N, C-alpha and C. Protein backbone atom coordinates (compact mmCIF):
# COMPACT_ATOMS: atom_id res chain seq x y z
N MET A 1 -36.10 28.11 -56.32
CA MET A 1 -35.40 27.08 -55.59
C MET A 1 -36.26 25.81 -55.61
N LYS A 2 -35.59 24.66 -55.67
CA LYS A 2 -36.32 23.39 -55.73
C LYS A 2 -35.70 22.39 -54.77
N PRO A 3 -36.42 21.33 -54.42
CA PRO A 3 -35.86 20.29 -53.55
C PRO A 3 -34.58 19.71 -54.14
N GLY A 4 -33.60 19.48 -53.27
CA GLY A 4 -32.31 18.96 -53.73
C GLY A 4 -31.25 20.03 -53.88
N THR A 5 -31.64 21.30 -53.84
CA THR A 5 -30.70 22.41 -53.95
C THR A 5 -29.86 22.48 -52.67
N ARG A 6 -28.56 22.68 -52.83
CA ARG A 6 -27.66 22.80 -51.67
C ARG A 6 -27.34 24.28 -51.48
N LEU A 7 -27.60 24.78 -50.27
CA LEU A 7 -27.38 26.20 -49.97
C LEU A 7 -26.25 26.35 -48.96
N LYS A 8 -25.47 27.42 -49.11
CA LYS A 8 -24.34 27.71 -48.22
C LYS A 8 -24.58 29.04 -47.52
N SER A 9 -24.20 29.09 -46.25
CA SER A 9 -24.36 30.29 -45.45
C SER A 9 -23.31 31.33 -45.81
N ALA A 10 -23.72 32.61 -45.77
CA ALA A 10 -22.78 33.71 -45.99
C ALA A 10 -22.14 34.14 -44.68
N ALA A 11 -22.69 33.67 -43.54
CA ALA A 11 -22.21 34.13 -42.23
C ALA A 11 -21.38 33.10 -41.46
N CYS A 12 -21.50 31.80 -41.83
CA CYS A 12 -20.75 30.76 -41.11
C CYS A 12 -20.51 29.57 -42.04
N ASP A 13 -20.18 28.42 -41.48
CA ASP A 13 -19.86 27.23 -42.28
C ASP A 13 -21.07 26.37 -42.62
N THR A 14 -22.25 26.74 -42.18
CA THR A 14 -23.45 25.93 -42.37
C THR A 14 -23.77 25.71 -43.85
N GLU A 15 -24.12 24.45 -44.17
CA GLU A 15 -24.63 24.10 -45.50
C GLU A 15 -25.87 23.24 -45.29
N VAL A 16 -26.91 23.48 -46.11
CA VAL A 16 -28.16 22.72 -46.00
C VAL A 16 -28.59 22.22 -47.37
N MET A 17 -29.41 21.16 -47.33
CA MET A 17 -30.05 20.63 -48.53
C MET A 17 -31.53 20.95 -48.39
N VAL A 18 -32.12 21.51 -49.45
CA VAL A 18 -33.54 21.86 -49.42
C VAL A 18 -34.35 20.58 -49.63
N ILE A 19 -35.25 20.29 -48.70
CA ILE A 19 -36.15 19.14 -48.82
C ILE A 19 -37.52 19.62 -49.31
N ARG A 20 -38.00 20.71 -48.72
CA ARG A 20 -39.28 21.29 -49.11
C ARG A 20 -39.16 22.80 -48.97
N CYS A 21 -39.72 23.55 -49.92
CA CYS A 21 -39.62 25.01 -49.81
C CYS A 21 -40.81 25.70 -50.48
N ALA A 22 -40.97 26.97 -50.17
CA ALA A 22 -41.99 27.83 -50.75
C ALA A 22 -41.29 29.14 -51.11
N ASP A 23 -42.08 30.17 -51.41
CA ASP A 23 -41.50 31.47 -51.72
C ASP A 23 -41.09 32.16 -50.43
N GLY A 24 -39.83 32.54 -50.35
CA GLY A 24 -39.31 33.21 -49.16
C GLY A 24 -37.81 33.13 -49.17
N GLN A 25 -37.16 33.92 -48.34
CA GLN A 25 -35.70 33.99 -48.27
C GLN A 25 -35.19 33.13 -47.13
N ILE A 26 -34.43 32.08 -47.47
CA ILE A 26 -33.83 31.22 -46.45
C ILE A 26 -32.55 31.90 -45.98
N GLU A 27 -32.40 31.99 -44.65
CA GLU A 27 -31.26 32.70 -44.07
C GLU A 27 -30.56 31.85 -43.03
N CYS A 28 -29.31 32.14 -42.80
CA CYS A 28 -28.54 31.49 -41.74
C CYS A 28 -27.69 32.56 -41.07
N GLY A 29 -27.79 32.67 -39.77
CA GLY A 29 -27.05 33.69 -39.05
C GLY A 29 -27.52 35.10 -39.38
N GLY A 30 -28.75 35.22 -39.89
CA GLY A 30 -29.30 36.52 -40.25
C GLY A 30 -28.96 37.00 -41.66
N ALA A 31 -28.15 36.20 -42.40
CA ALA A 31 -27.76 36.58 -43.77
C ALA A 31 -28.37 35.58 -44.76
N PRO A 32 -28.79 36.04 -45.94
CA PRO A 32 -29.36 35.15 -46.94
C PRO A 32 -28.38 34.04 -47.36
N MET A 33 -28.92 32.85 -47.61
CA MET A 33 -28.10 31.73 -48.07
C MET A 33 -28.14 31.68 -49.59
N GLY A 34 -27.09 31.13 -50.20
CA GLY A 34 -27.03 31.02 -51.65
C GLY A 34 -26.33 29.74 -52.06
N GLU A 35 -26.36 29.44 -53.36
CA GLU A 35 -25.73 28.22 -53.86
C GLU A 35 -24.21 28.33 -53.86
N ALA A 36 -23.68 29.55 -53.87
CA ALA A 36 -22.23 29.77 -53.81
C ALA A 36 -21.90 30.57 -52.57
N LYS A 37 -20.79 30.23 -51.94
CA LYS A 37 -20.35 30.97 -50.74
C LYS A 37 -19.72 32.28 -51.20
N PRO A 38 -20.13 33.42 -50.62
CA PRO A 38 -19.55 34.69 -51.01
C PRO A 38 -18.08 34.81 -50.60
N ALA A 39 -17.34 35.66 -51.29
CA ALA A 39 -15.92 35.85 -51.01
C ALA A 39 -15.71 36.45 -49.62
N GLU A 40 -16.59 37.37 -49.24
CA GLU A 40 -16.48 38.02 -47.93
C GLU A 40 -17.63 37.58 -47.04
N ALA A 41 -17.31 37.10 -45.84
CA ALA A 41 -18.34 36.61 -44.92
C ALA A 41 -19.18 37.74 -44.37
N ALA A 42 -20.48 37.47 -44.24
CA ALA A 42 -21.40 38.43 -43.64
C ALA A 42 -21.31 38.32 -42.12
N PRO A 43 -21.62 39.39 -41.39
CA PRO A 43 -21.58 39.30 -39.91
C PRO A 43 -22.68 38.38 -39.39
N LEU A 44 -22.39 37.67 -38.32
CA LEU A 44 -23.34 36.75 -37.70
C LEU A 44 -24.24 37.54 -36.75
N ALA A 45 -25.55 37.52 -37.00
CA ALA A 45 -26.50 38.25 -36.16
C ALA A 45 -26.63 37.55 -34.81
N ALA A 46 -26.64 38.31 -33.73
CA ALA A 46 -26.73 37.76 -32.37
C ALA A 46 -28.02 36.96 -32.16
N ASP A 47 -29.12 37.39 -32.78
CA ASP A 47 -30.41 36.70 -32.64
C ASP A 47 -30.41 35.33 -33.30
N PHE A 48 -29.53 35.13 -34.28
CA PHE A 48 -29.49 33.88 -35.04
C PHE A 48 -28.11 33.23 -34.93
N SER A 49 -27.64 33.04 -33.70
CA SER A 49 -26.31 32.45 -33.51
C SER A 49 -26.36 31.21 -32.61
N ALA A 50 -27.48 30.47 -32.66
CA ALA A 50 -27.62 29.28 -31.82
C ALA A 50 -26.91 28.07 -32.41
N GLY A 51 -26.58 28.11 -33.70
CA GLY A 51 -25.87 27.00 -34.34
C GLY A 51 -26.80 25.99 -34.98
N THR A 52 -26.22 25.16 -35.86
CA THR A 52 -26.96 24.09 -36.52
C THR A 52 -26.26 22.76 -36.23
N LEU A 53 -27.02 21.69 -36.30
CA LEU A 53 -26.51 20.36 -36.00
C LEU A 53 -26.56 19.49 -37.26
N MET A 54 -25.47 18.79 -37.53
CA MET A 54 -25.37 17.94 -38.71
C MET A 54 -26.40 16.81 -38.67
N GLY A 55 -27.05 16.59 -39.80
CA GLY A 55 -28.01 15.50 -39.93
C GLY A 55 -29.40 15.81 -39.42
N LYS A 56 -29.61 16.97 -38.84
CA LYS A 56 -30.93 17.35 -38.32
C LYS A 56 -31.74 18.06 -39.39
N ARG A 57 -33.05 17.86 -39.33
CA ARG A 57 -33.96 18.54 -40.26
C ARG A 57 -34.56 19.73 -39.52
N TYR A 58 -34.63 20.85 -40.20
CA TYR A 58 -35.18 22.08 -39.64
C TYR A 58 -36.44 22.44 -40.41
N VAL A 59 -37.51 22.77 -39.67
CA VAL A 59 -38.81 23.07 -40.28
C VAL A 59 -39.38 24.36 -39.70
N ASP A 60 -40.33 24.94 -40.46
CA ASP A 60 -41.04 26.11 -39.95
C ASP A 60 -42.36 25.65 -39.34
N ALA A 61 -43.07 26.55 -38.69
CA ALA A 61 -44.31 26.21 -37.99
C ALA A 61 -45.42 25.77 -38.95
N ASP A 62 -45.43 26.29 -40.18
CA ASP A 62 -46.47 25.98 -41.14
C ASP A 62 -46.19 24.71 -41.94
N GLY A 63 -44.97 24.19 -41.87
CA GLY A 63 -44.61 23.00 -42.63
C GLY A 63 -44.32 23.27 -44.09
N LYS A 64 -44.09 24.53 -44.44
CA LYS A 64 -43.79 24.88 -45.84
C LYS A 64 -42.32 24.68 -46.17
N TYR A 65 -41.46 24.76 -45.16
CA TYR A 65 -40.02 24.64 -45.37
C TYR A 65 -39.47 23.47 -44.58
N GLU A 66 -38.56 22.72 -45.20
CA GLU A 66 -37.82 21.68 -44.50
C GLU A 66 -36.42 21.65 -45.09
N LEU A 67 -35.42 21.81 -44.22
CA LEU A 67 -34.02 21.85 -44.63
C LEU A 67 -33.25 20.79 -43.86
N LEU A 68 -32.34 20.10 -44.54
CA LEU A 68 -31.49 19.09 -43.91
C LEU A 68 -30.08 19.67 -43.80
N CYS A 69 -29.55 19.74 -42.58
CA CYS A 69 -28.21 20.28 -42.36
C CYS A 69 -27.17 19.24 -42.77
N VAL A 70 -26.32 19.58 -43.76
CA VAL A 70 -25.27 18.66 -44.21
C VAL A 70 -23.89 19.09 -43.74
N LYS A 71 -23.78 20.32 -43.21
CA LYS A 71 -22.53 20.79 -42.62
C LYS A 71 -22.89 21.78 -41.52
N PRO A 72 -22.50 21.50 -40.26
CA PRO A 72 -22.89 22.37 -39.15
C PRO A 72 -22.11 23.70 -39.14
N GLY A 73 -22.67 24.66 -38.43
CA GLY A 73 -22.03 25.97 -38.29
C GLY A 73 -22.56 26.71 -37.08
N LYS A 74 -22.12 27.95 -36.90
CA LYS A 74 -22.49 28.75 -35.73
C LYS A 74 -23.82 29.47 -35.87
N GLY A 75 -24.26 29.71 -37.10
CA GLY A 75 -25.51 30.43 -37.32
C GLY A 75 -26.72 29.52 -37.23
N SER A 76 -27.89 30.10 -36.92
CA SER A 76 -29.12 29.32 -36.89
C SER A 76 -29.96 29.69 -38.11
N LEU A 77 -30.81 28.75 -38.53
CA LEU A 77 -31.59 28.89 -39.76
C LEU A 77 -32.88 29.66 -39.53
N SER A 78 -33.28 30.41 -40.55
CA SER A 78 -34.54 31.16 -40.49
C SER A 78 -35.07 31.36 -41.91
N VAL A 79 -36.33 31.72 -42.01
CA VAL A 79 -36.96 32.08 -43.28
C VAL A 79 -37.63 33.42 -43.06
N ASP A 80 -37.22 34.42 -43.82
CA ASP A 80 -37.75 35.78 -43.70
C ASP A 80 -37.71 36.25 -42.24
N SER A 81 -36.58 36.00 -41.56
CA SER A 81 -36.31 36.40 -40.17
C SER A 81 -37.17 35.68 -39.13
N VAL A 82 -37.79 34.56 -39.49
CA VAL A 82 -38.54 33.73 -38.55
C VAL A 82 -37.75 32.44 -38.37
N ALA A 83 -37.32 32.17 -37.12
CA ALA A 83 -36.44 31.03 -36.86
C ALA A 83 -37.10 29.69 -37.17
N LEU A 84 -36.29 28.75 -37.69
CA LEU A 84 -36.73 27.38 -37.92
C LEU A 84 -36.37 26.54 -36.69
N VAL A 85 -37.10 25.46 -36.46
CA VAL A 85 -36.85 24.59 -35.32
C VAL A 85 -36.47 23.20 -35.81
N VAL A 86 -35.80 22.43 -34.93
CA VAL A 86 -35.41 21.07 -35.26
C VAL A 86 -36.66 20.21 -35.33
N LYS A 87 -36.77 19.41 -36.39
CA LYS A 87 -37.93 18.53 -36.56
C LYS A 87 -37.79 17.34 -35.61
N ASP A 88 -38.88 17.05 -34.90
CA ASP A 88 -38.89 15.92 -33.96
C ASP A 88 -38.99 14.61 -34.71
N ALA A 89 -38.35 13.57 -34.17
CA ALA A 89 -38.44 12.24 -34.74
C ALA A 89 -39.84 11.66 -34.48
N LYS A 90 -40.33 10.90 -35.44
CA LYS A 90 -41.62 10.25 -35.25
C LYS A 90 -41.44 9.03 -34.37
N PRO A 91 -42.30 8.87 -33.37
CA PRO A 91 -42.17 7.69 -32.51
C PRO A 91 -42.57 6.42 -33.27
N LEU A 92 -41.83 5.35 -33.02
CA LEU A 92 -42.14 4.08 -33.65
C LEU A 92 -43.30 3.42 -32.91
N PRO A 93 -44.11 2.63 -33.63
CA PRO A 93 -45.22 1.96 -32.94
C PRO A 93 -44.69 0.90 -31.98
N ALA A 94 -45.47 0.66 -30.96
CA ALA A 94 -45.07 -0.34 -29.96
C ALA A 94 -45.14 -1.73 -30.58
N SER A 95 -44.23 -2.59 -30.17
CA SER A 95 -44.18 -3.94 -30.72
C SER A 95 -44.56 -4.96 -29.65
N ASP A 96 -45.72 -4.75 -29.05
CA ASP A 96 -46.17 -5.63 -27.96
C ASP A 96 -46.63 -6.94 -28.50
C-alpha cells in the first residue's frame, strides 16, 4: 500500500485516503479495508463502532499511519486491532 491509495470499508460506508502507512492491516469496524468494496458486508464489531468523521485525519500513537476520511461511516478505524485517533489541529502562532 502507498500514499494516495483509497480504501473502502467492508463493514460500513467509510472510505479513507492513505496519507502515511507502514506494514500492517488497516481495518474499519473490525474488518479489513480494501481497494474494492466486497459484495457482502462484514459485521460491524461493537468495539469499533464509534464512527468516522468526513475530512478528519486519523493517526496511530507511533505516527506510522495517517488516514484521511473522505466518506464517513459507522465503523471506527484501527490498525491490527489498535484504534486510531483523530489528529489534533496544530495551533497557529499568535499575531501580537
